[in-house]
Each structure stands twice: as C-alpha cells, then as structure tokens.
C-alpha cells in the first residue's frame, strides 16, 4: 500500500474507528507499543542500559561457556538505539 492510499484510507475513517485501529496496533505489535511509550515517556537511560546489557551478554555471557561474540548482533542493538 502506498502512502497516498494509506492517507486517503485514514482520512475516510471516522475518529472512533481511527482510535480503534491505533489501539489494536498498540496491543498487537510490541514495536508500536515501544515506540509510543518512548514518545510519550522518553527514558533514554533505561534503553541505553538494556542495549548495554544485551551487548555485554553477547560478548561476556553469564550462562554459556563460550561467547558467540557476533559483531552484527552488537551493531543491531546500537543501530536500534540510534534510530
């Protein structure tokens, strides 16, 4: 679906239908929930700590014997935080 078609679809919806769509997206998709939680209540420190913990676990695991040390995984968390 193109942006133009989506915009037309959204303008044709009534306010209540639009609210229902947003609530449905919010409950179904964790990415949408995370986005809106960050927009309305930005806790950058918490996100930084989570990313640091995930990267640290990749290189210095607590439960596994040998670390996987995948650079791509660390870069994924860094890019996600930068966005």
Protein backbone atom coordinates (compact mmCIF):
# COMPACT_ATOMS: atom_id res chain seq x y z
CA UNK A 1 0.00 0.00 0.00
CA UNK A 2 1.38 3.38 -0.94
CA UNK A 3 1.50 6.36 1.40
CA UNK A 4 -1.06 8.13 -0.70
CA UNK A 5 -3.56 5.27 -0.48
CA UNK A 6 -2.97 4.94 3.25
CA UNK A 7 -3.51 8.65 3.77
CA UNK A 8 -6.77 8.51 1.81
CA UNK A 9 -7.92 5.49 3.82
CA UNK A 10 -7.15 7.22 7.12
CA UNK A 11 -8.93 10.43 6.14
CA UNK A 12 -12.04 8.43 5.24
CA UNK A 13 -12.19 6.82 8.69
CA UNK A 14 -14.20 8.34 11.49
CA UNK A 15 -12.43 9.38 14.68
CA UNK A 16 -13.71 6.41 16.70
CA UNK A 17 -12.64 3.93 14.00
CA UNK A 18 -9.21 5.54 13.86
CA UNK A 19 -8.84 5.31 17.64
CA UNK A 20 -9.82 1.63 17.50
CA UNK A 21 -7.21 0.99 14.81
CA UNK A 22 -4.47 2.64 16.87
CA UNK A 23 -5.45 0.72 20.00
CA UNK A 24 -5.44 -2.52 18.02
CA UNK A 25 -1.96 -1.79 16.66
CA UNK A 26 -0.76 -0.82 20.13
CA UNK A 27 -1.92 -4.09 21.67
CA UNK A 28 -0.84 -6.38 18.80
CA UNK A 29 2.64 -5.18 17.97
CA UNK A 30 5.31 -4.68 20.65
CA UNK A 31 7.31 -2.39 18.34
CA UNK A 32 4.39 0.05 18.11
CA UNK A 33 3.93 -0.10 21.88
CA UNK A 34 7.62 0.56 22.46
CA UNK A 35 7.54 3.50 20.02
CA UNK A 36 4.58 5.23 21.66
CA UNK A 37 5.89 4.56 25.15
CA UNK A 38 9.15 6.24 24.18
CA UNK A 39 7.40 9.18 22.50
CA UNK A 40 5.19 9.97 25.50
CA UNK A 41 7.63 8.99 28.24
CA UNK A 42 11.23 9.03 26.97
CA UNK A 43 13.51 7.03 29.24
CA UNK A 44 16.74 7.02 27.29
CA UNK A 45 18.78 5.80 30.24
CA UNK A 46 16.68 2.66 30.50
CA UNK A 47 17.08 1.94 26.79
CA UNK A 48 20.84 2.51 26.98
CA UNK A 49 21.16 0.13 29.92
CA UNK A 50 19.11 -2.55 28.12
CA UNK A 51 21.28 -2.23 25.00
CA UNK A 52 24.48 -2.36 27.07
CA UNK A 53 23.26 -5.47 28.87
CA UNK A 54 22.40 -7.24 25.61
CA UNK A 55 25.76 -6.36 24.04
CA UNK A 56 27.61 -7.38 27.19
CA UNK A 57 25.74 -10.69 27.24
CA UNK A 58 26.78 -11.29 23.63
CA UNK A 59 30.50 -10.88 24.38
CA UNK A 60 30.64 -11.94 28.05
CA UNK A 61 27.79 -14.39 28.69
CA UNK A 62 26.89 -15.41 32.20
CA UNK A 63 25.23 -18.74 31.42
CA UNK A 64 27.06 -20.08 28.36
CA UNK A 65 30.65 -21.21 28.41
CA UNK A 66 31.88 -19.67 25.17
CA UNK A 67 30.78 -16.27 23.95
CA UNK A 68 29.44 -16.04 20.43
CA UNK A 69 30.86 -12.51 20.01
CA UNK A 70 28.85 -11.68 16.92
CA UNK A 71 29.62 -8.16 15.83
CA UNK A 72 26.40 -7.99 13.80
CA UNK A 73 24.29 -8.51 16.92
CA UNK A 74 26.04 -5.67 18.74
CA UNK A 75 25.65 -3.38 15.73
CA UNK A 76 21.93 -4.22 15.54
CA UNK A 77 21.38 -3.01 19.12
CA UNK A 78 23.44 0.12 18.51
CA UNK A 79 21.54 0.98 15.32
CA UNK A 80 18.21 0.34 17.04
CA UNK A 81 19.14 2.79 19.78
CA UNK A 82 20.37 5.43 17.34
CA UNK A 83 17.05 5.41 15.45
